[in-house]
């Protein structure tokens, strides 16, 4: 089963023109994801410090470090997907061409 969007081809120029937009969107997405992660981590570990543990900080148990990495990775992946997809849709509305595939 295919969809109209999946069948659509993008031109080489659309991919090239999208790159700067995609880069800016990725940077913005990273900042947003970082802020979301900080807020989520405060709720996951209310007794801890404001900052999540880093892998090389020996005062934290491995379980806590892995939990922080899991939560951070999930948040960054979801925010990245949302930003990339939304950016591609906006680009398509402006140019009439899908920048991916």
PDB file of N, CA and C in Angstrom:
ATOM      1  N   UNK A   1       0.848  -1.183   0.000  1.00  0.00           N
ATOM      2  CA  UNK A   1       0.000   0.000   0.000  1.00  0.00           C
ATOM      3  C   UNK A   1       0.889   1.240   0.000  1.00  0.00           C
ATOM      4  N   UNK A   2       0.709   2.088  -0.981  1.00  0.00           N
ATOM      5  CA  UNK A   2       1.512   3.303  -1.071  1.00  0.00           C
ATOM      6  C   UNK A   2       0.618   4.518  -0.957  1.00  0.00           C
ATOM      7  N   UNK A   3       1.210   5.584  -0.546  1.00  0.00           N
ATOM      8  CA  UNK A   3       0.466   6.842  -0.440  1.00  0.00           C
ATOM      9  C   UNK A   3       0.969   7.806  -1.488  1.00  0.00           C
ATOM     10  N   UNK A   4       0.209   8.844  -1.718  1.00  0.00           N
ATOM     11  CA  UNK A   4       0.601   9.854  -2.699  1.00  0.00           C
ATOM     12  C   UNK A   4       1.908  10.519  -2.297  1.00  0.00           C
ATOM     13  N   UNK A   5       2.097  10.747  -1.008  1.00  0.00           N
ATOM     14  CA  UNK A   5       3.329  11.397  -0.539  1.00  0.00           C
ATOM     15  C   UNK A   5       4.529  10.491  -0.763  1.00  0.00           C
ATOM     16  N   UNK A   6       4.375   9.194  -0.530  1.00  0.00           N
ATOM     17  CA  UNK A   6       5.475   8.263  -0.717  1.00  0.00           C
ATOM     18  C   UNK A   6       5.844   8.137  -2.194  1.00  0.00           C
ATOM     19  N   UNK A   7       4.882   8.303  -3.086  1.00  0.00           N
ATOM     20  CA  UNK A   7       5.127   8.196  -4.511  1.00  0.00           C
ATOM     21  C   UNK A   7       5.782   9.453  -5.075  1.00  0.00           C
ATOM     22  N   UNK A   8       5.686  10.543  -4.387  1.00  0.00           N
ATOM     23  CA  UNK A   8       6.192  11.817  -4.849  1.00  0.00           C
ATOM     24  C   UNK A   8       7.723  11.806  -4.847  1.00  0.00           C
ATOM     25  N   UNK A   9       8.311  12.280  -5.900  1.00  0.00           N
ATOM     26  CA  UNK A   9       9.759  12.404  -5.993  1.00  0.00           C
ATOM     27  C   UNK A   9      10.146  13.836  -5.655  1.00  0.00           C
ATOM     28  N   UNK A  10      11.269  13.994  -5.026  1.00  0.00           N
ATOM     29  CA  UNK A  10      11.732  15.356  -4.781  1.00  0.00           C
ATOM     30  C   UNK A  10      12.882  15.652  -5.729  1.00  0.00           C
ATOM     31  N   UNK A  11      12.983  16.890  -6.099  1.00  0.00           N
ATOM     32  CA  UNK A  11      14.055  17.278  -7.009  1.00  0.00           C
ATOM     33  C   UNK A  11      15.343  17.474  -6.228  1.00  0.00           C
ATOM     34  N   UNK A  12      16.427  17.414  -6.947  1.00  0.00           N
ATOM     35  CA  UNK A  12      17.743  17.628  -6.331  1.00  0.00           C
ATOM     36  C   UNK A  12      17.837  19.039  -5.751  1.00  0.00           C
ATOM     37  N   UNK A  13      17.262  20.023  -6.470  1.00  0.00           N
ATOM     38  CA  UNK A  13      17.331  21.403  -6.000  1.00  0.00           C
ATOM     39  C   UNK A  13      16.538  21.584  -4.707  1.00  0.00           C
ATOM     40  N   UNK A  14      15.419  20.860  -4.552  1.00  0.00           N
ATOM     41  CA  UNK A  14      14.648  20.954  -3.309  1.00  0.00           C
ATOM     42  C   UNK A  14      15.465  20.448  -2.137  1.00  0.00           C
ATOM     43  N   UNK A  15      16.194  19.367  -2.345  1.00  0.00           N
ATOM     44  CA  UNK A  15      17.038  18.828  -1.273  1.00  0.00           C
ATOM     45  C   UNK A  15      18.144  19.812  -0.893  1.00  0.00           C
ATOM     46  N   UNK A  16      18.734  20.441  -1.894  1.00  0.00           N
ATOM     47  CA  UNK A  16      19.815  21.396  -1.637  1.00  0.00           C
ATOM     48  C   UNK A  16      19.283  22.653  -0.948  1.00  0.00           C
ATOM     49  N   UNK A  17      18.141  23.155  -1.421  1.00  0.00           N
ATOM     50  CA  UNK A  17      17.552  24.344  -0.818  1.00  0.00           C
ATOM     51  C   UNK A  17      17.064  24.094   0.607  1.00  0.00           C
ATOM     52  N   UNK A  18      16.713  22.848   0.908  1.00  0.00           N
ATOM     53  CA  UNK A  18      16.203  22.525   2.237  1.00  0.00           C
ATOM     54  C   UNK A  18      17.330  22.439   3.275  1.00  0.00           C
ATOM     55  N   UNK A  19      18.538  22.170   2.852  1.00  0.00           N
ATOM     56  CA  UNK A  19      19.645  21.948   3.800  1.00  0.00           C
ATOM     57  C   UNK A  19      19.820  23.073   4.824  1.00  0.00           C
ATOM     58  N   UNK A  20      19.892  24.339   4.412  1.00  0.00           N
ATOM     59  CA  UNK A  20      20.037  25.394   5.432  1.00  0.00           C
ATOM     60  C   UNK A  20      18.849  25.449   6.393  1.00  0.00           C
ATOM     61  N   UNK A  21      17.648  25.297   5.840  1.00  0.00           N
ATOM     62  CA  UNK A  21      16.447  25.275   6.673  1.00  0.00           C
ATOM     63  C   UNK A  21      16.510  24.104   7.660  1.00  0.00           C
ATOM     64  N   UNK A  22      16.911  22.939   7.166  1.00  0.00           N
ATOM     65  CA  UNK A  22      17.019  21.757   8.014  1.00  0.00           C
ATOM     66  C   UNK A  22      18.056  21.925   9.112  1.00  0.00           C
ATOM     67  N   UNK A  23      19.160  22.582   8.796  1.00  0.00           N
ATOM     68  CA  UNK A  23      20.205  22.824   9.792  1.00  0.00           C
ATOM     69  C   UNK A  23      19.706  23.739  10.899  1.00  0.00           C
ATOM     70  N   UNK A  24      19.059  24.817  10.521  1.00  0.00           N
ATOM     71  CA  UNK A  24      18.509  25.750  11.517  1.00  0.00           C
ATOM     72  C   UNK A  24      17.439  25.053  12.358  1.00  0.00           C
ATOM     73  N   UNK A  25      16.584  24.278  11.706  1.00  0.00           N
ATOM     74  CA  UNK A  25      15.532  23.552  12.419  1.00  0.00           C
ATOM     75  C   UNK A  25      16.135  22.537  13.390  1.00  0.00           C
ATOM     76  N   UNK A  26      17.221  21.881  12.990  1.00  0.00           N
ATOM     77  CA  UNK A  26      17.871  20.911  13.871  1.00  0.00           C
ATOM     78  C   UNK A  26      18.468  21.576  15.106  1.00  0.00           C
ATOM     79  N   UNK A  27      19.090  22.731  14.905  1.00  0.00           N
ATOM     80  CA  UNK A  27      19.650  23.465  16.048  1.00  0.00           C
ATOM     81  C   UNK A  27      18.550  23.908  17.007  1.00  0.00           C
ATOM     82  N   UNK A  28      17.481  24.415  16.446  1.00  0.00           N
ATOM     83  CA  UNK A  28      16.339  24.819  17.263  1.00  0.00           C
ATOM     84  C   UNK A  28      15.748  23.616  17.996  1.00  0.00           C
ATOM     85  N   UNK A  29      15.639  22.508  17.292  1.00  0.00           N
ATOM     86  CA  UNK A  29      15.122  21.285  17.907  1.00  0.00           C
ATOM     87  C   UNK A  29      15.983  20.802  19.058  1.00  0.00           C
ATOM     88  N   UNK A  30      17.293  20.919  18.908  1.00  0.00           N
ATOM     89  CA  UNK A  30      18.199  20.526  19.988  1.00  0.00           C
ATOM     90  C   UNK A  30      18.008  21.381  21.230  1.00  0.00           C
ATOM     91  N   UNK A  31      17.821  22.676  21.021  1.00  0.00           N
ATOM     92  CA  UNK A  31      17.581  23.575  22.160  1.00  0.00           C
ATOM     93  C   UNK A  31      16.250  23.258  22.841  1.00  0.00           C
ATOM     94  N   UNK A  32      15.231  23.023  22.045  1.00  0.00           N
ATOM     95  CA  UNK A  32      13.913  22.684  22.600  1.00  0.00           C
ATOM     96  C   UNK A  32      13.980  21.357  23.360  1.00  0.00           C
ATOM     97  N   UNK A  33      14.617  20.364  22.745  1.00  0.00           N
ATOM     98  CA  UNK A  33      14.723  19.049  23.385  1.00  0.00           C
ATOM     99  C   UNK A  33      15.488  19.131  24.701  1.00  0.00           C
ATOM    100  N   UNK A  34      16.529  19.950  24.719  1.00  0.00           N
ATOM    101  CA  UNK A  34      17.317  20.116  25.942  1.00  0.00           C
ATOM    102  C   UNK A  34      16.470  20.698  27.073  1.00  0.00           C
ATOM    103  N   UNK A  35      15.669  21.700  26.747  1.00  0.00           N
ATOM    104  CA  UNK A  35      14.798  22.312  27.762  1.00  0.00           C
ATOM    105  C   UNK A  35      13.729  21.331  28.249  1.00  0.00           C
ATOM    106  N   UNK A  36      13.160  20.584  27.319  1.00  0.00           N
ATOM    107  CA  UNK A  36      12.152  19.585  27.702  1.00  0.00           C
ATOM    108  C   UNK A  36      12.784  18.534  28.601  1.00  0.00           C
ATOM    109  N   UNK A  37      13.981  18.068  28.231  1.00  0.00           N
ATOM    110  CA  UNK A  37      14.658  17.050  29.035  1.00  0.00           C
ATOM    111  C   UNK A  37      14.948  17.554  30.448  1.00  0.00           C
ATOM    112  N   UNK A  38      15.395  18.793  30.579  1.00  0.00           N
ATOM    113  CA  UNK A  38      15.670  19.344  31.911  1.00  0.00           C
ATOM    114  C   UNK A  38      14.417  19.318  32.779  1.00  0.00           C
ATOM    115  N   UNK A  39      13.269  19.694  32.199  1.00  0.00           N
ATOM    116  CA  UNK A  39      12.013  19.710  32.959  1.00  0.00           C
ATOM    117  C   UNK A  39      11.560  18.301  33.313  1.00  0.00           C
ATOM    118  N   UNK A  40      11.686  17.383  32.362  1.00  0.00           N
ATOM    119  CA  UNK A  40      11.289  15.992  32.612  1.00  0.00           C
ATOM    120  C   UNK A  40      12.194  15.380  33.678  1.00  0.00           C
ATOM    121  N   UNK A  41      13.498  15.654  33.596  1.00  0.00           N
ATOM    122  CA  UNK A  41      14.427  15.056  34.557  1.00  0.00           C
ATOM    123  C   UNK A  41      14.138  15.540  35.982  1.00  0.00           C
ATOM    124  N   UNK A  42      13.741  16.788  36.135  1.00  0.00           N
ATOM    125  CA  UNK A  42      13.393  17.291  37.462  1.00  0.00           C
ATOM    126  C   UNK A  42      12.233  16.494  38.061  1.00  0.00           C
ATOM    127  N   UNK A  43      11.315  16.037  37.207  1.00  0.00           N
ATOM    128  CA  UNK A  43      10.171  15.248  37.692  1.00  0.00           C
ATOM    129  C   UNK A  43      10.542  13.785  37.913  1.00  0.00           C
ATOM    130  N   UNK A  44      11.455  13.270  37.083  1.00  0.00           N
ATOM    131  CA  UNK A  44      11.887  11.876  37.220  1.00  0.00           C
ATOM    132  C   UNK A  44      12.730  11.715  38.475  1.00  0.00           C
ATOM    133  N   UNK A  45      13.570  12.684  38.774  1.00  0.00           N
ATOM    134  CA  UNK A  45      14.484  12.614  39.916  1.00  0.00           C
ATOM    135  C   UNK A  45      14.352  13.861  40.790  1.00  0.00           C
ATOM    136  N   UNK A  46      13.218  14.006  41.501  1.00  0.00           N
ATOM    137  CA  UNK A  46      12.996  15.227  42.281  1.00  0.00           C
ATOM    138  C   UNK A  46      13.980  15.420  43.439  1.00  0.00           C
ATOM    139  N   UNK A  47      14.546  14.335  43.945  1.00  0.00           N
ATOM    140  CA  UNK A  47      15.468  14.449  45.075  1.00  0.00           C
ATOM    141  C   UNK A  47      16.881  14.784  44.629  1.00  0.00           C
ATOM    142  N   UNK A  48      17.168  14.661  43.351  1.00  0.00           N
ATOM    143  CA  UNK A  48      18.515  14.889  42.842  1.00  0.00           C
ATOM    144  C   UNK A  48      18.798  16.345  42.557  1.00  0.00           C
ATOM    145  N   UNK A  49      19.912  16.571  41.921  1.00  0.00           N
ATOM    146  CA  UNK A  49      20.289  17.925  41.527  1.00  0.00           C
ATOM    147  C   UNK A  49      19.498  18.325  40.288  1.00  0.00           C
ATOM    148  N   UNK A  50      19.639  19.563  39.894  1.00  0.00           N
ATOM    149  CA  UNK A  50      18.947  20.038  38.694  1.00  0.00           C
ATOM    150  C   UNK A  50      19.495  19.392  37.428  1.00  0.00           C
ATOM    151  N   UNK A  51      20.780  19.103  37.414  1.00  0.00           N
ATOM    152  CA  UNK A  51      21.397  18.532  36.226  1.00  0.00           C
ATOM    153  C   UNK A  51      21.367  17.008  36.281  1.00  0.00           C
ATOM    154  N   UNK A  52      21.092  16.375  35.149  1.00  0.00           N
ATOM    155  CA  UNK A  52      21.106  14.913  35.108  1.00  0.00           C
ATOM    156  C   UNK A  52      22.541  14.402  35.207  1.00  0.00           C
ATOM    157  N   UNK A  53      22.714  13.166  35.647  1.00  0.00           N
ATOM    158  CA  UNK A  53      24.076  12.629  35.767  1.00  0.00           C
ATOM    159  C   UNK A  53      24.693  12.377  34.396  1.00  0.00           C
ATOM    160  N   UNK A  54      25.993  12.577  34.317  1.00  0.00           N
ATOM    161  CA  UNK A  54      26.735  12.298  33.093  1.00  0.00           C
ATOM    162  C   UNK A  54      27.457  10.958  33.263  1.00  0.00           C
ATOM    163  N   UNK A  55      27.752  10.270  32.182  1.00  0.00           N
ATOM    164  CA  UNK A  55      28.342   8.935  32.281  1.00  0.00           C
ATOM    165  C   UNK A  55      29.647   8.849  33.060  1.00  0.00           C
ATOM    166  N   UNK A  56      30.432   9.905  33.079  1.00  0.00           N
ATOM    167  CA  UNK A  56      31.725   9.851  33.765  1.00  0.00           C
ATOM    168  C   UNK A  56      31.691  10.392  35.186  1.00  0.00           C
ATOM    169  N   UNK A  57      30.526  10.680  35.711  1.00  0.00           N
ATOM    170  CA  UNK A  57      30.411  11.146  37.098  1.00  0.00           C
ATOM    171  C   UNK A  57      30.262   9.916  37.994  1.00  0.00           C
ATOM    172  N   UNK A  58      31.307   9.625  38.750  1.00  0.00           N
ATOM    173  CA  UNK A  58      31.375   8.384  39.517  1.00  0.00           C
ATOM    174  C   UNK A  58      30.446   8.346  40.729  1.00  0.00           C
ATOM    175  N   UNK A  59      29.911   9.481  41.146  1.00  0.00           N
ATOM    176  CA  UNK A  59      29.063   9.476  42.344  1.00  0.00           C
ATOM    177  C   UNK A  59      27.654   8.948  42.081  1.00  0.00           C
ATOM    178  N   UNK A  60      27.321   8.724  40.822  1.00  0.00           N
ATOM    179  CA  UNK A  60      25.981   8.223  40.489  1.00  0.00           C
ATOM    180  C   UNK A  60      26.041   6.747  40.121  1.00  0.00           C
ATOM    181  N   UNK A  61      25.026   5.983  40.525  1.00  0.00           N
ATOM    182  CA  UNK A  61      24.997   4.569  40.120  1.00  0.00           C
ATOM    183  C   UNK A  61      24.710   4.441  38.622  1.00  0.00           C
ATOM    184  N   UNK A  62      25.159   3.351  38.036  1.00  0.00           N
ATOM    185  CA  UNK A  62      24.976   3.116  36.606  1.00  0.00           C
ATOM    186  C   UNK A  62      23.500   3.147  36.217  1.00  0.00           C
ATOM    187  N   UNK A  63      22.635   2.625  37.069  1.00  0.00           N
ATOM    188  CA  UNK A  63      21.200   2.593  36.766  1.00  0.00           C
ATOM    189  C   UNK A  63      20.649   4.009  36.532  1.00  0.00           C
ATOM    190  N   UNK A  64      21.069   4.955  37.359  1.00  0.00           N
ATOM    191  CA  UNK A  64      20.594   6.340  37.224  1.00  0.00           C
ATOM    192  C   UNK A  64      21.142   6.983  35.951  1.00  0.00           C
ATOM    193  N   UNK A  65      22.389   6.700  35.626  1.00  0.00           N
ATOM    194  CA  UNK A  65      22.996   7.236  34.410  1.00  0.00           C
ATOM    195  C   UNK A  65      22.294   6.675  33.179  1.00  0.00           C
ATOM    196  N   UNK A  66      21.993   5.374  33.195  1.00  0.00           N
ATOM    197  CA  UNK A  66      21.297   4.760  32.065  1.00  0.00           C
ATOM    198  C   UNK A  66      19.872   5.291  31.920  1.00  0.00           C
ATOM    199  N   UNK A  67      19.205   5.521  33.039  1.00  0.00           N
ATOM    200  CA  UNK A  67      17.857   6.096  32.987  1.00  0.00           C
ATOM    201  C   UNK A  67      17.890   7.494  32.370  1.00  0.00           C
ATOM    202  N   UNK A  68      18.854   8.294  32.790  1.00  0.00           N
ATOM    203  CA  UNK A  68      18.984   9.645  32.228  1.00  0.00           C
ATOM    204  C   UNK A  68      19.260   9.583  30.725  1.00  0.00           C
ATOM    205  N   UNK A  69      20.128   8.678  30.312  1.00  0.00           N
ATOM    206  CA  UNK A  69      20.447   8.540  28.889  1.00  0.00           C
ATOM    207  C   UNK A  69      19.236   8.072  28.096  1.00  0.00           C
ATOM    208  N   UNK A  70      18.470   7.156  28.662  1.00  0.00           N
ATOM    209  CA  UNK A  70      17.275   6.653  27.991  1.00  0.00           C
ATOM    210  C   UNK A  70      16.240   7.754  27.806  1.00  0.00           C
ATOM    211  N   UNK A  71      15.969   8.494  28.860  1.00  0.00           N
ATOM    212  CA  UNK A  71      14.984   9.577  28.801  1.00  0.00           C
ATOM    213  C   UNK A  71      15.453  10.661  27.824  1.00  0.00           C
ATOM    214  N   UNK A  72      16.720  11.028  27.916  1.00  0.00           N
ATOM    215  CA  UNK A  72      17.252  12.061  27.035  1.00  0.00           C
ATOM    216  C   UNK A  72      17.205  11.618  25.572  1.00  0.00           C
ATOM    217  N   UNK A  73      17.605  10.395  25.301  1.00  0.00           N
ATOM    218  CA  UNK A  73      17.592   9.893  23.933  1.00  0.00           C
ATOM    219  C   UNK A  73      16.193   9.846  23.349  1.00  0.00           C
ATOM    220  N   UNK A  74      15.228   9.411  24.147  1.00  0.00           N
ATOM    221  CA  UNK A  74      13.845   9.347  23.666  1.00  0.00           C
ATOM    222  C   UNK A  74      13.308  10.747  23.358  1.00  0.00           C
ATOM    223  N   UNK A  75      13.561  11.680  24.244  1.00  0.00           N
ATOM    224  CA  UNK A  75      13.077  13.050  24.039  1.00  0.00           C
ATOM    225  C   UNK A  75      13.726  13.668  22.806  1.00  0.00           C
ATOM    226  N   UNK A  76      15.042  13.527  22.671  1.00  0.00           N
ATOM    227  CA  UNK A  76      15.726  14.110  21.523  1.00  0.00           C
ATOM    228  C   UNK A  76      15.252  13.483  20.218  1.00  0.00           C
ATOM    229  N   UNK A  77      15.012  12.176  20.205  1.00  0.00           N
ATOM    230  CA  UNK A  77      14.543  11.516  18.983  1.00  0.00           C
ATOM    231  C   UNK A  77      13.157  11.984  18.581  1.00  0.00           C
ATOM    232  N   UNK A  78      12.265  12.095  19.550  1.00  0.00           N
ATOM    233  CA  UNK A  78      10.897  12.532  19.248  1.00  0.00           C
ATOM    234  C   UNK A  78      10.887  13.984  18.779  1.00  0.00           C
ATOM    235  N   UNK A  79      11.609  14.852  19.476  1.00  0.00           N
ATOM    236  CA  UNK A  79      11.648  16.268  19.086  1.00  0.00           C
ATOM    237  C   UNK A  79      12.287  16.413  17.710  1.00  0.00           C
ATOM    238  N   UNK A  80      13.351  15.671  17.450  1.00  0.00           N
ATOM    239  CA  UNK A  80      14.004  15.728  16.139  1.00  0.00           C
ATOM    240  C   UNK A  80      13.048  15.305  15.027  1.00  0.00           C
ATOM    241  N   UNK A  81      12.321  14.225  15.254  1.00  0.00           N
ATOM    242  CA  UNK A  81      11.359  13.762  14.243  1.00  0.00           C
ATOM    243  C   UNK A  81      10.272  14.805  14.002  1.00  0.00           C
ATOM    244  N   UNK A  82       9.748  15.383  15.072  1.00  0.00           N
ATOM    245  CA  UNK A  82       8.706  16.401  14.924  1.00  0.00           C
ATOM    246  C   UNK A  82       9.216  17.643  14.190  1.00  0.00           C
ATOM    247  N   UNK A  83      10.401  18.092  14.540  1.00  0.00           N
ATOM    248  CA  UNK A  83      10.976  19.284  13.913  1.00  0.00           C
ATOM    249  C   UNK A  83      11.281  19.008  12.437  1.00  0.00           C
ATOM    250  N   UNK A  84      11.904  17.866  12.147  1.00  0.00           N
ATOM    251  CA  UNK A  84      12.238  17.553  10.761  1.00  0.00           C
ATOM    252  C   UNK A  84      10.993  17.398   9.899  1.00  0.00           C
ATOM    253  N   UNK A  85       9.997  16.688  10.408  1.00  0.00           N
ATOM    254  CA  UNK A  85       8.772  16.483   9.642  1.00  0.00           C
ATOM    255  C   UNK A  85       8.023  17.800   9.443  1.00  0.00           C
ATOM    256  N   UNK A  86       7.899  18.575  10.508  1.00  0.00           N
ATOM    257  CA  UNK A  86       7.227  19.869  10.409  1.00  0.00           C
ATOM    258  C   UNK A  86       7.953  20.811   9.466  1.00  0.00           C
ATOM    259  N   UNK A  87       9.278  20.825   9.542  1.00  0.00           N
ATOM    260  CA  UNK A  87      10.063  21.674   8.647  1.00  0.00           C
ATOM    261  C   UNK A  87       9.900  21.270   7.195  1.00  0.00           C
ATOM    262  N   UNK A  88       9.855  19.974   6.944  1.00  0.00           N
ATOM    263  CA  UNK A  88       9.666  19.489   5.577  1.00  0.00           C
ATOM    264  C   UNK A  88       8.282  19.866   5.047  1.00  0.00           C
ATOM    265  N   UNK A  89       7.291  19.799   5.911  1.00  0.00           N
ATOM    266  CA  UNK A  89       5.933  20.185   5.483  1.00  0.00           C
ATOM    267  C   UNK A  89       5.839  21.674   5.181  1.00  0.00           C
ATOM    268  N   UNK A  90       6.464  22.496   6.000  1.00  0.00           N
ATOM    269  CA  UNK A  90       6.469  23.942   5.740  1.00  0.00           C
ATOM    270  C   UNK A  90       7.203  24.225   4.434  1.00  0.00           C
ATOM    271  N   UNK A  91       8.338  23.571   4.247  1.00  0.00           N
ATOM    272  CA  UNK A  91       9.100  23.747   3.005  1.00  0.00           C
ATOM    273  C   UNK A  91       8.259  23.343   1.795  1.00  0.00           C
ATOM    274  N   UNK A  92       7.532  22.255   1.925  1.00  0.00           N
ATOM    275  CA  UNK A  92       6.678  21.796   0.823  1.00  0.00           C
ATOM    276  C   UNK A  92       5.577  22.815   0.524  1.00  0.00           C
ATOM    277  N   UNK A  93       4.982  23.392   1.557  1.00  0.00           N
ATOM    278  CA  UNK A  93       3.944  24.412   1.341  1.00  0.00           C
ATOM    279  C   UNK A  93       4.506  25.637   0.623  1.00  0.00           C
ATOM    280  N   UNK A  94       5.715  26.048   0.994  1.00  0.00           N
ATOM    281  CA  UNK A  94       6.324  27.234   0.401  1.00  0.00           C
ATOM    282  C   UNK A  94       6.792  26.991  -1.035  1.00  0.00           C
ATOM    283  N   UNK A  95       7.341  25.783  -1.294  1.00  0.00           N
ATOM    284  CA  UNK A  95       7.972  25.546  -2.595  1.00  0.00           C
ATOM    285  C   UNK A  95       7.163  24.610  -3.490  1.00  0.00           C
ATOM    286  N   UNK A  96       6.275  23.834  -2.903  1.00  0.00           N
ATOM    287  CA  UNK A  96       5.537  22.845  -3.679  1.00  0.00           C
ATOM    288  C   UNK A  96       6.289  21.548  -3.883  1.00  0.00           C
ATOM    289  N   UNK A  97       7.481  21.431  -3.286  1.00  0.00           N
ATOM    290  CA  UNK A  97       8.285  20.215  -3.438  1.00  0.00           C
ATOM    291  C   UNK A  97       8.639  19.635  -2.070  1.00  0.00           C
ATOM    292  N   UNK A  98       8.607  18.312  -1.963  1.00  0.00           N
ATOM    293  CA  UNK A  98       8.980  17.619  -0.741  1.00  0.00           C
ATOM    294  C   UNK A  98      10.505  17.469  -0.727  1.00  0.00           C
ATOM    295  N   UNK A  99      11.176  17.867   0.365  1.00  0.00           N
ATOM    296  CA  UNK A  99      12.634  17.890   0.376  1.00  0.00           C
ATOM    297  C   UNK A  99      13.294  16.547   0.679  1.00  0.00           C
ATOM    298  N   UNK A 100      12.544  15.544   1.003  1.00  0.00           N
ATOM    299  CA  UNK A 100      13.142  14.275   1.396  1.00  0.00           C
ATOM    300  C   UNK A 100      13.086  13.214   0.337  1.00  0.00           C
ATOM    301  N   UNK A 101      13.166  11.991   0.783  1.00  0.00           N
ATOM    302  CA  UNK A 101      13.129  10.775  -0.039  1.00  0.00           C
ATOM    303  C   UNK A 101      14.380  10.570  -0.808  1.00  0.00           C
TER     304      UNK A 101
END
